């Protein structure tokens, strides 16, 4: 099922253990009856220590 608006997801910073909220854009997710779904990603920066974080999703 696709969504029409972005969601947020909490992820942990591996450098300082702070919790970061990353925006995840809408998409179809995993769909069994279509071509393989393309892996996408986004980047964000930890506001506590400045470490760059990458989040990958379908």
PDB file of N, CA and C in Angstrom:
ATOM      1  N   UNK A   1       0.852  -1.175   0.000  1.00  0.00           N
ATOM      2  CA  UNK A   1       0.000   0.000   0.000  1.00  0.00           C
ATOM      3  C   UNK A   1       0.893   1.232   0.000  1.00  0.00           C
ATOM      4  N   UNK A   2       0.642   2.162  -0.884  1.00  0.00           N
ATOM      5  CA  UNK A   2       1.457   3.372  -0.909  1.00  0.00           C
ATOM      6  C   UNK A   2       0.857   4.433   0.000  1.00  0.00           C
ATOM      7  N   UNK A   3       1.728   5.326   0.454  1.00  0.00           N
ATOM      8  CA  UNK A   3       1.288   6.416   1.315  1.00  0.00           C
ATOM      9  C   UNK A   3       1.483   7.716   0.568  1.00  0.00           C
ATOM     10  N   UNK A   4       0.688   8.707   0.905  1.00  0.00           N
ATOM     11  CA  UNK A   4       0.777   9.985   0.202  1.00  0.00           C
ATOM     12  C   UNK A   4       1.569  11.037   0.968  1.00  0.00           C
ATOM     13  N   UNK A   5       1.989  10.743   2.190  1.00  0.00           N
ATOM     14  CA  UNK A   5       2.744  11.722   2.959  1.00  0.00           C
ATOM     15  C   UNK A   5       3.934  11.049   3.629  1.00  0.00           C
ATOM     16  N   UNK A   6       4.933  11.841   3.967  1.00  0.00           N
ATOM     17  CA  UNK A   6       6.138  11.300   4.591  1.00  0.00           C
ATOM     18  C   UNK A   6       5.858  10.847   6.009  1.00  0.00           C
ATOM     19  N   UNK A   7       6.623   9.854   6.428  1.00  0.00           N
ATOM     20  CA  UNK A   7       6.571   9.370   7.803  1.00  0.00           C
ATOM     21  C   UNK A   7       7.928   9.652   8.436  1.00  0.00           C
ATOM     22  N   UNK A   8       7.982   9.570   9.732  1.00  0.00           N
ATOM     23  CA  UNK A   8       9.260   9.713  10.415  1.00  0.00           C
ATOM     24  C   UNK A   8       9.601   8.406  11.110  1.00  0.00           C
ATOM     25  N   UNK A   9      10.890   8.164  11.267  1.00  0.00           N
ATOM     26  CA  UNK A   9      11.356   6.939  11.898  1.00  0.00           C
ATOM     27  C   UNK A   9      12.503   7.277  12.837  1.00  0.00           C
ATOM     28  N   UNK A  10      12.437   6.830  14.087  1.00  0.00           N
ATOM     29  CA  UNK A  10      13.561   7.069  14.997  1.00  0.00           C
ATOM     30  C   UNK A  10      14.691   6.087  14.694  1.00  0.00           C
ATOM     31  N   UNK A  11      15.917   6.593  14.572  1.00  0.00           N
ATOM     32  CA  UNK A  11      17.085   5.740  14.384  1.00  0.00           C
ATOM     33  C   UNK A  11      18.147   6.161  15.394  1.00  0.00           C
ATOM     34  N   UNK A  12      19.003   5.238  15.761  1.00  0.00           N
ATOM     35  CA  UNK A  12      20.043   5.529  16.744  1.00  0.00           C
ATOM     36  C   UNK A  12      21.356   5.901  16.082  1.00  0.00           C
ATOM     37  N   UNK A  13      22.041   6.869  16.639  1.00  0.00           N
ATOM     38  CA  UNK A  13      23.361   7.267  16.161  1.00  0.00           C
ATOM     39  C   UNK A  13      24.388   6.273  16.712  1.00  0.00           C
ATOM     40  N   UNK A  14      25.201   5.650  15.839  1.00  0.00           N
ATOM     41  CA  UNK A  14      26.193   4.690  16.324  1.00  0.00           C
ATOM     42  C   UNK A  14      27.376   5.341  17.055  1.00  0.00           C
ATOM     43  N   UNK A  15      27.540   6.632  16.917  1.00  0.00           N
ATOM     44  CA  UNK A  15      28.659   7.327  17.563  1.00  0.00           C
ATOM     45  C   UNK A  15      28.354   7.741  18.999  1.00  0.00           C
ATOM     46  N   UNK A  16      27.140   8.276  19.236  1.00  0.00           N
ATOM     47  CA  UNK A  16      26.839   8.819  20.569  1.00  0.00           C
ATOM     48  C   UNK A  16      25.574   8.233  21.206  1.00  0.00           C
ATOM     49  N   UNK A  17      24.906   7.306  20.521  1.00  0.00           N
ATOM     50  CA  UNK A  17      23.695   6.648  21.023  1.00  0.00           C
ATOM     51  C   UNK A  17      22.485   7.567  21.148  1.00  0.00           C
ATOM     52  N   UNK A  18      22.545   8.764  20.567  1.00  0.00           N
ATOM     53  CA  UNK A  18      21.376   9.653  20.563  1.00  0.00           C
ATOM     54  C   UNK A  18      20.341   9.093  19.585  1.00  0.00           C
ATOM     55  N   UNK A  19      19.081   9.408  19.797  1.00  0.00           N
ATOM     56  CA  UNK A  19      18.014   9.005  18.880  1.00  0.00           C
ATOM     57  C   UNK A  19      17.726  10.155  17.934  1.00  0.00           C
ATOM     58  N   UNK A  20      17.752   9.860  16.628  1.00  0.00           N
ATOM     59  CA  UNK A  20      17.527  10.846  15.578  1.00  0.00           C
ATOM     60  C   UNK A  20      16.213  10.502  14.894  1.00  0.00           C
ATOM     61  N   UNK A  21      15.441  11.503  14.518  1.00  0.00           N
ATOM     62  CA  UNK A  21      14.214  11.282  13.767  1.00  0.00           C
ATOM     63  C   UNK A  21      14.491  11.570  12.300  1.00  0.00           C
ATOM     64  N   UNK A  22      14.342  10.550  11.450  1.00  0.00           N
ATOM     65  CA  UNK A  22      14.600  10.690  10.014  1.00  0.00           C
ATOM     66  C   UNK A  22      13.277  10.641   9.257  1.00  0.00           C
ATOM     67  N   UNK A  23      13.140  11.486   8.240  1.00  0.00           N
ATOM     68  CA  UNK A  23      11.945  11.491   7.400  1.00  0.00           C
ATOM     69  C   UNK A  23      12.071  10.399   6.338  1.00  0.00           C
ATOM     70  N   UNK A  24      11.011   9.623   6.166  1.00  0.00           N
ATOM     71  CA  UNK A  24      10.964   8.574   5.153  1.00  0.00           C
ATOM     72  C   UNK A  24       9.867   8.954   4.162  1.00  0.00           C
ATOM     73  N   UNK A  25      10.229   9.208   2.893  1.00  0.00           N
ATOM     74  CA  UNK A  25       9.221   9.607   1.912  1.00  0.00           C
ATOM     75  C   UNK A  25       8.254   8.468   1.588  1.00  0.00           C
ATOM     76  N   UNK A  26       7.092   8.790   1.026  1.00  0.00           N
ATOM     77  CA  UNK A  26       6.116   7.751   0.704  1.00  0.00           C
ATOM     78  C   UNK A  26       6.636   6.829  -0.389  1.00  0.00           C
ATOM     79  N   UNK A  27       6.135   5.627  -0.396  1.00  0.00           N
ATOM     80  CA  UNK A  27       6.521   4.660  -1.412  1.00  0.00           C
ATOM     81  C   UNK A  27       5.660   3.420  -1.308  1.00  0.00           C
ATOM     82  N   UNK A  28       5.834   2.485  -2.225  1.00  0.00           N
ATOM     83  CA  UNK A  28       4.984   1.300  -2.252  1.00  0.00           C
ATOM     84  C   UNK A  28       5.349   0.253  -1.215  1.00  0.00           C
ATOM     85  N   UNK A  29       6.550   0.320  -0.640  1.00  0.00           N
ATOM     86  CA  UNK A  29       6.992  -0.739   0.255  1.00  0.00           C
ATOM     87  C   UNK A  29       7.327  -1.969  -0.561  1.00  0.00           C
ATOM     88  N   UNK A  30       7.313  -3.132   0.075  1.00  0.00           N
ATOM     89  CA  UNK A  30       7.573  -4.378  -0.645  1.00  0.00           C
ATOM     90  C   UNK A  30       6.285  -4.845  -1.301  1.00  0.00           C
ATOM     91  N   UNK A  31       6.334  -5.079  -2.594  1.00  0.00           N
ATOM     92  CA  UNK A  31       5.157  -5.509  -3.344  1.00  0.00           C
ATOM     93  C   UNK A  31       5.499  -6.817  -4.034  1.00  0.00           C
ATOM     94  N   UNK A  32       4.797  -7.899  -3.689  1.00  0.00           N
ATOM     95  CA  UNK A  32       5.126  -9.236  -4.169  1.00  0.00           C
ATOM     96  C   UNK A  32       4.786  -9.457  -5.641  1.00  0.00           C
ATOM     97  N   UNK A  33       3.786  -8.792  -6.172  1.00  0.00           N
ATOM     98  CA  UNK A  33       3.324  -9.099  -7.527  1.00  0.00           C
ATOM     99  C   UNK A  33       3.869  -8.154  -8.597  1.00  0.00           C
ATOM    100  N   UNK A  34       4.899  -7.364  -8.284  1.00  0.00           N
ATOM    101  CA  UNK A  34       5.509  -6.452  -9.256  1.00  0.00           C
ATOM    102  C   UNK A  34       6.988  -6.747  -9.400  1.00  0.00           C
ATOM    103  N   UNK A  35       7.649  -5.993 -10.244  1.00  0.00           N
ATOM    104  CA  UNK A  35       9.097  -6.109 -10.390  1.00  0.00           C
ATOM    105  C   UNK A  35       9.753  -5.865  -9.035  1.00  0.00           C
ATOM    106  N   UNK A  36      10.995  -6.301  -8.880  1.00  0.00           N
ATOM    107  CA  UNK A  36      11.677  -6.056  -7.596  1.00  0.00           C
ATOM    108  C   UNK A  36      11.651  -4.561  -7.236  1.00  0.00           C
ATOM    109  N   UNK A  37      11.334  -4.288  -6.007  1.00  0.00           N
ATOM    110  CA  UNK A  37      11.259  -2.914  -5.522  1.00  0.00           C
ATOM    111  C   UNK A  37      12.664  -2.355  -5.365  1.00  0.00           C
ATOM    112  N   UNK A  38      12.855  -1.120  -5.778  1.00  0.00           N
ATOM    113  CA  UNK A  38      14.176  -0.479  -5.721  1.00  0.00           C
ATOM    114  C   UNK A  38      14.463   0.033  -4.304  1.00  0.00           C
ATOM    115  N   UNK A  39      15.631  -0.316  -3.792  1.00  0.00           N
ATOM    116  CA  UNK A  39      16.076   0.166  -2.493  1.00  0.00           C
ATOM    117  C   UNK A  39      16.407   1.647  -2.614  1.00  0.00           C
ATOM    118  N   UNK A  40      15.868   2.454  -1.700  1.00  0.00           N
ATOM    119  CA  UNK A  40      16.133   3.891  -1.698  1.00  0.00           C
ATOM    120  C   UNK A  40      16.802   4.264  -0.389  1.00  0.00           C
ATOM    121  N   UNK A  41      17.334   5.472  -0.314  1.00  0.00           N
ATOM    122  CA  UNK A  41      18.010   5.902   0.905  1.00  0.00           C
ATOM    123  C   UNK A  41      17.893   7.391   1.128  1.00  0.00           C
ATOM    124  N   UNK A  42      18.191   7.796   2.347  1.00  0.00           N
ATOM    125  CA  UNK A  42      18.206   9.204   2.708  1.00  0.00           C
ATOM    126  C   UNK A  42      19.331   9.418   3.707  1.00  0.00           C
ATOM    127  N   UNK A  43      19.814  10.632   3.801  1.00  0.00           N
ATOM    128  CA  UNK A  43      20.883  10.971   4.743  1.00  0.00           C
ATOM    129  C   UNK A  43      20.370  12.005   5.733  1.00  0.00           C
ATOM    130  N   UNK A  44      20.907  11.952   6.933  1.00  0.00           N
ATOM    131  CA  UNK A  44      20.614  12.953   7.946  1.00  0.00           C
ATOM    132  C   UNK A  44      21.858  13.082   8.820  1.00  0.00           C
ATOM    133  N   UNK A  45      21.909  14.094   9.641  1.00  0.00           N
ATOM    134  CA  UNK A  45      23.050  14.333  10.522  1.00  0.00           C
ATOM    135  C   UNK A  45      22.579  14.322  11.967  1.00  0.00           C
ATOM    136  N   UNK A  46      23.342  13.680  12.824  1.00  0.00           N
ATOM    137  CA  UNK A  46      23.026  13.656  14.250  1.00  0.00           C
ATOM    138  C   UNK A  46      23.158  15.066  14.803  1.00  0.00           C
ATOM    139  N   UNK A  47      22.141  15.541  15.466  1.00  0.00           N
ATOM    140  CA  UNK A  47      22.172  16.888  16.047  1.00  0.00           C
ATOM    141  C   UNK A  47      22.999  16.939  17.321  1.00  0.00           C
ATOM    142  N   UNK A  48      23.306  15.779  17.867  1.00  0.00           N
ATOM    143  CA  UNK A  48      24.084  15.729  19.103  1.00  0.00           C
ATOM    144  C   UNK A  48      25.593  15.771  18.838  1.00  0.00           C
ATOM    145  N   UNK A  49      26.072  14.966  17.845  1.00  0.00           N
ATOM    146  CA  UNK A  49      27.520  14.881  17.625  1.00  0.00           C
ATOM    147  C   UNK A  49      27.951  15.222  16.196  1.00  0.00           C
ATOM    148  N   UNK A  50      26.995  15.397  15.266  1.00  0.00           N
ATOM    149  CA  UNK A  50      27.326  15.757  13.896  1.00  0.00           C
ATOM    150  C   UNK A  50      27.624  14.584  12.977  1.00  0.00           C
ATOM    151  N   UNK A  51      27.518  13.351  13.472  1.00  0.00           N
ATOM    152  CA  UNK A  51      27.780  12.162  12.657  1.00  0.00           C
ATOM    153  C   UNK A  51      26.740  12.049  11.536  1.00  0.00           C
ATOM    154  N   UNK A  52      27.195  11.734  10.318  1.00  0.00           N
ATOM    155  CA  UNK A  52      26.276  11.568   9.190  1.00  0.00           C
ATOM    156  C   UNK A  52      25.689  10.164   9.217  1.00  0.00           C
ATOM    157  N   UNK A  53      24.359  10.092   9.098  1.00  0.00           N
ATOM    158  CA  UNK A  53      23.643   8.817   9.138  1.00  0.00           C
ATOM    159  C   UNK A  53      22.968   8.573   7.796  1.00  0.00           C
ATOM    160  N   UNK A  54      22.951   7.321   7.351  1.00  0.00           N
ATOM    161  CA  UNK A  54      22.266   6.931   6.131  1.00  0.00           C
ATOM    162  C   UNK A  54      21.184   5.933   6.483  1.00  0.00           C
ATOM    163  N   UNK A  55      19.997   6.122   5.948  1.00  0.00           N
ATOM    164  CA  UNK A  55      18.859   5.242   6.192  1.00  0.00           C
ATOM    165  C   UNK A  55      18.386   4.707   4.851  1.00  0.00           C
ATOM    166  N   UNK A  56      18.289   3.388   4.717  1.00  0.00           N
ATOM    167  CA  UNK A  56      17.849   2.757   3.479  1.00  0.00           C
ATOM    168  C   UNK A  56      16.509   2.077   3.693  1.00  0.00           C
ATOM    169  N   UNK A  57      15.650   2.128   2.678  1.00  0.00           N
ATOM    170  CA  UNK A  57      14.291   1.604   2.799  1.00  0.00           C
ATOM    171  C   UNK A  57      13.746   1.252   1.417  1.00  0.00           C
ATOM    172  N   UNK A  58      12.649   0.504   1.400  1.00  0.00           N
ATOM    173  CA  UNK A  58      11.930   0.155   0.170  1.00  0.00           C
ATOM    174  C   UNK A  58      10.713   1.019   0.044  1.00  0.00           C
TER     175      UNK A  58
END
